[in-house]
């Protein structure tokens, strides 16, 4: 059973926080995001296609960081089941995003899953 102290959950939070920091200046030297960075343009294209009403520049930076991490896990790593990735992204959005973040992230990831 997942807990807040689960090391995988903590790793996702750390990675999301570093992706969030990266979105402000790009000078983050964190090993957690080094595997994600080369894929940002592809990840952003997938997110933009799944949420056409929301250009990447208009998505809240915290939501974008959560989405980038989740889409990376689903498309590149493929180690974790998609349901688990989506559940984790929603839980992180509830904890760190605005009141609408969880719904937005669930909708975008649901659309992406349908295309995979």
C-alpha atoms as a PDB file:
ATOM      1  CA  UNK A   1       0.000   0.000   0.000  1.00  0.00           C
ATOM      2  CA  UNK A   2       1.246   3.469  -0.927  1.00  0.00           C
ATOM      3  CA  UNK A   3       2.168   5.854   1.865  1.00  0.00           C
ATOM      4  CA  UNK A   4       3.553   9.371   1.914  1.00  0.00           C
ATOM      5  CA  UNK A   5       6.887   7.887   2.982  1.00  0.00           C
ATOM      6  CA  UNK A   6       7.078   5.450   0.061  1.00  0.00           C
ATOM      7  CA  UNK A   7      10.493   6.031  -1.555  1.00  0.00           C
ATOM      8  CA  UNK A   8       8.996   5.893  -5.068  1.00  0.00           C
ATOM      9  CA  UNK A   9       6.444   8.551  -4.119  1.00  0.00           C
ATOM     10  CA  UNK A  10       9.177  10.714  -2.591  1.00  0.00           C
ATOM     11  CA  UNK A  11      11.321  10.294  -5.706  1.00  0.00           C
ATOM     12  CA  UNK A  12       8.425  11.456  -7.892  1.00  0.00           C
ATOM     13  CA  UNK A  13       7.908  14.498  -5.673  1.00  0.00           C
ATOM     14  CA  UNK A  14      11.621  15.372  -5.819  1.00  0.00           C
ATOM     15  CA  UNK A  15      11.686  14.964  -9.590  1.00  0.00           C
ATOM     16  CA  UNK A  16       8.540  17.072  -9.999  1.00  0.00           C
ATOM     17  CA  UNK A  17      10.010  19.802  -7.785  1.00  0.00           C
ATOM     18  CA  UNK A  18      13.199  19.854  -9.838  1.00  0.00           C
ATOM     19  CA  UNK A  19      11.222  19.995 -13.106  1.00  0.00           C
ATOM     20  CA  UNK A  20       9.228  22.872 -11.600  1.00  0.00           C
ATOM     21  CA  UNK A  21      12.439  24.716 -10.690  1.00  0.00           C
ATOM     22  CA  UNK A  22      13.861  24.001 -14.163  1.00  0.00           C
ATOM     23  CA  UNK A  23      10.858  25.702 -15.768  1.00  0.00           C
ATOM     24  CA  UNK A  24      11.914  29.015 -14.203  1.00  0.00           C
ATOM     25  CA  UNK A  25      15.470  29.176 -15.428  1.00  0.00           C
ATOM     26  CA  UNK A  26      16.847  25.928 -16.659  1.00  0.00           C
ATOM     27  CA  UNK A  27      19.824  25.993 -14.287  1.00  0.00           C
ATOM     28  CA  UNK A  28      18.857  23.008 -12.168  1.00  0.00           C
ATOM     29  CA  UNK A  29      21.614  20.445 -11.813  1.00  0.00           C
ATOM     30  CA  UNK A  30      19.615  17.600 -10.345  1.00  0.00           C
ATOM     31  CA  UNK A  31      20.268  14.007 -11.318  1.00  0.00           C
ATOM     32  CA  UNK A  32      16.537  13.218 -11.008  1.00  0.00           C
ATOM     33  CA  UNK A  33      15.668  15.206 -14.123  1.00  0.00           C
ATOM     34  CA  UNK A  34      18.675  14.435 -16.312  1.00  0.00           C
ATOM     35  CA  UNK A  35      16.846  11.558 -18.002  1.00  0.00           C
ATOM     36  CA  UNK A  36      13.720  13.693 -18.548  1.00  0.00           C
ATOM     37  CA  UNK A  37      15.351  16.801 -20.060  1.00  0.00           C
ATOM     38  CA  UNK A  38      16.275  15.331 -23.468  1.00  0.00           C
ATOM     39  CA  UNK A  39      12.605  14.399 -23.978  1.00  0.00           C
ATOM     40  CA  UNK A  40      10.990  17.718 -23.010  1.00  0.00           C
ATOM     41  CA  UNK A  41      10.070  18.782 -26.533  1.00  0.00           C
ATOM     42  CA  UNK A  42       8.349  15.456 -27.278  1.00  0.00           C
ATOM     43  CA  UNK A  43       6.620  15.461 -23.883  1.00  0.00           C
ATOM     44  CA  UNK A  44       5.407  19.024 -24.427  1.00  0.00           C
ATOM     45  CA  UNK A  45       4.079  18.120 -27.879  1.00  0.00           C
ATOM     46  CA  UNK A  46       2.081  15.250 -26.401  1.00  0.00           C
ATOM     47  CA  UNK A  47       0.720  17.477 -23.639  1.00  0.00           C
ATOM     48  CA  UNK A  48      -0.184  20.240 -26.099  1.00  0.00           C
ATOM     49  CA  UNK A  49      -1.966  17.762 -28.357  1.00  0.00           C
ATOM     50  CA  UNK A  50      -3.944  16.349 -25.412  1.00  0.00           C
ATOM     51  CA  UNK A  51      -4.920  19.837 -24.173  1.00  0.00           C
ATOM     52  CA  UNK A  52      -5.333  21.955 -27.315  1.00  0.00           C
ATOM     53  CA  UNK A  53      -7.147  24.752 -25.443  1.00  0.00           C
ATOM     54  CA  UNK A  54      -4.122  25.175 -23.193  1.00  0.00           C
ATOM     55  CA  UNK A  55      -0.844  26.158 -24.874  1.00  0.00           C
ATOM     56  CA  UNK A  56       2.204  24.997 -22.932  1.00  0.00           C
ATOM     57  CA  UNK A  57       3.024  28.578 -21.918  1.00  0.00           C
ATOM     58  CA  UNK A  58      -0.444  28.969 -20.333  1.00  0.00           C
ATOM     59  CA  UNK A  59      -0.382  25.784 -18.239  1.00  0.00           C
ATOM     60  CA  UNK A  60       0.504  26.403 -14.593  1.00  0.00           C
ATOM     61  CA  UNK A  61       4.165  25.537 -14.123  1.00  0.00           C
ATOM     62  CA  UNK A  62       3.427  23.095 -11.298  1.00  0.00           C
ATOM     63  CA  UNK A  63       0.830  21.295 -13.434  1.00  0.00           C
ATOM     64  CA  UNK A  64       3.264  21.210 -16.341  1.00  0.00           C
ATOM     65  CA  UNK A  65       5.988  19.690 -14.157  1.00  0.00           C
ATOM     66  CA  UNK A  66       3.580  16.992 -12.946  1.00  0.00           C
ATOM     67  CA  UNK A  67       2.401  16.283 -16.489  1.00  0.00           C
ATOM     68  CA  UNK A  68       5.932  16.110 -17.878  1.00  0.00           C
ATOM     69  CA  UNK A  69       6.945  13.610 -15.220  1.00  0.00           C
ATOM     70  CA  UNK A  70       3.856  11.454 -15.698  1.00  0.00           C
ATOM     71  CA  UNK A  71       4.054  11.437 -19.490  1.00  0.00           C
ATOM     72  CA  UNK A  72       7.772  10.611 -19.273  1.00  0.00           C
ATOM     73  CA  UNK A  73       7.038   7.670 -16.985  1.00  0.00           C
ATOM     74  CA  UNK A  74       4.282   6.393 -19.287  1.00  0.00           C
ATOM     75  CA  UNK A  75       6.123   6.793 -22.600  1.00  0.00           C
ATOM     76  CA  UNK A  76       9.833   6.465 -21.884  1.00  0.00           C
ATOM     77  CA  UNK A  77      10.352   4.498 -18.693  1.00  0.00           C
ATOM     78  CA  UNK A  78       7.366   2.165 -19.039  1.00  0.00           C
ATOM     79  CA  UNK A  79       8.267   0.432 -15.762  1.00  0.00           C
ATOM     80  CA  UNK A  80       5.193   1.505 -13.811  1.00  0.00           C
ATOM     81  CA  UNK A  81       1.629   0.655 -14.857  1.00  0.00           C
ATOM     82  CA  UNK A  82      -0.184   3.635 -16.394  1.00  0.00           C
ATOM     83  CA  UNK A  83      -2.923   3.526 -13.748  1.00  0.00           C
ATOM     84  CA  UNK A  84      -0.311   3.922 -11.024  1.00  0.00           C
ATOM     85  CA  UNK A  85       1.391   6.807 -12.847  1.00  0.00           C
ATOM     86  CA  UNK A  86      -1.940   8.617 -13.273  1.00  0.00           C
ATOM     87  CA  UNK A  87      -2.906   8.006  -9.630  1.00  0.00           C
ATOM     88  CA  UNK A  88       0.451   9.332  -8.431  1.00  0.00           C
ATOM     89  CA  UNK A  89       0.188  12.409 -10.673  1.00  0.00           C
ATOM     90  CA  UNK A  90      -3.296  13.162  -9.341  1.00  0.00           C
ATOM     91  CA  UNK A  91      -2.157  12.764  -5.730  1.00  0.00           C
ATOM     92  CA  UNK A  92       0.808  15.074  -6.303  1.00  0.00           C
ATOM     93  CA  UNK A  93      -1.492  17.582  -8.017  1.00  0.00           C
ATOM     94  CA  UNK A  94      -3.857  17.521  -5.029  1.00  0.00           C
ATOM     95  CA  UNK A  95      -0.934  18.218  -2.694  1.00  0.00           C
ATOM     96  CA  UNK A  96       0.935  20.839  -4.728  1.00  0.00           C
ATOM     97  CA  UNK A  97      -1.397  22.233  -7.379  1.00  0.00           C
ATOM     98  CA  UNK A  98      -4.431  24.475  -7.320  1.00  0.00           C
ATOM     99  CA  UNK A  99      -7.966  23.162  -6.666  1.00  0.00           C
ATOM    100  CA  UNK A 100      -8.471  22.361 -10.372  1.00  0.00           C
ATOM    101  CA  UNK A 101      -5.079  20.757 -11.000  1.00  0.00           C
ATOM    102  CA  UNK A 102      -6.098  17.175 -10.254  1.00  0.00           C
ATOM    103  CA  UNK A 103      -9.041  17.289 -12.698  1.00  0.00           C
ATOM    104  CA  UNK A 104      -6.940  18.956 -15.398  1.00  0.00           C
ATOM    105  CA  UNK A 105      -4.085  16.469 -15.036  1.00  0.00           C
ATOM    106  CA  UNK A 106      -6.472  13.506 -14.985  1.00  0.00           C
ATOM    107  CA  UNK A 107      -8.101  14.724 -18.211  1.00  0.00           C
ATOM    108  CA  UNK A 108      -4.822  15.340 -20.023  1.00  0.00           C
ATOM    109  CA  UNK A 109      -3.304  12.023 -18.966  1.00  0.00           C
ATOM    110  CA  UNK A 110      -6.517  10.188 -19.846  1.00  0.00           C
ATOM    111  CA  UNK A 111      -6.390  11.651 -23.346  1.00  0.00           C
ATOM    112  CA  UNK A 112      -2.725  10.702 -23.708  1.00  0.00           C
ATOM    113  CA  UNK A 113      -3.409   7.124 -22.559  1.00  0.00           C
ATOM    114  CA  UNK A 114      -6.081   6.780 -25.262  1.00  0.00           C
ATOM    115  CA  UNK A 115      -3.518   7.725 -27.925  1.00  0.00           C
ATOM    116  CA  UNK A 116      -0.869   5.279 -26.691  1.00  0.00           C
END
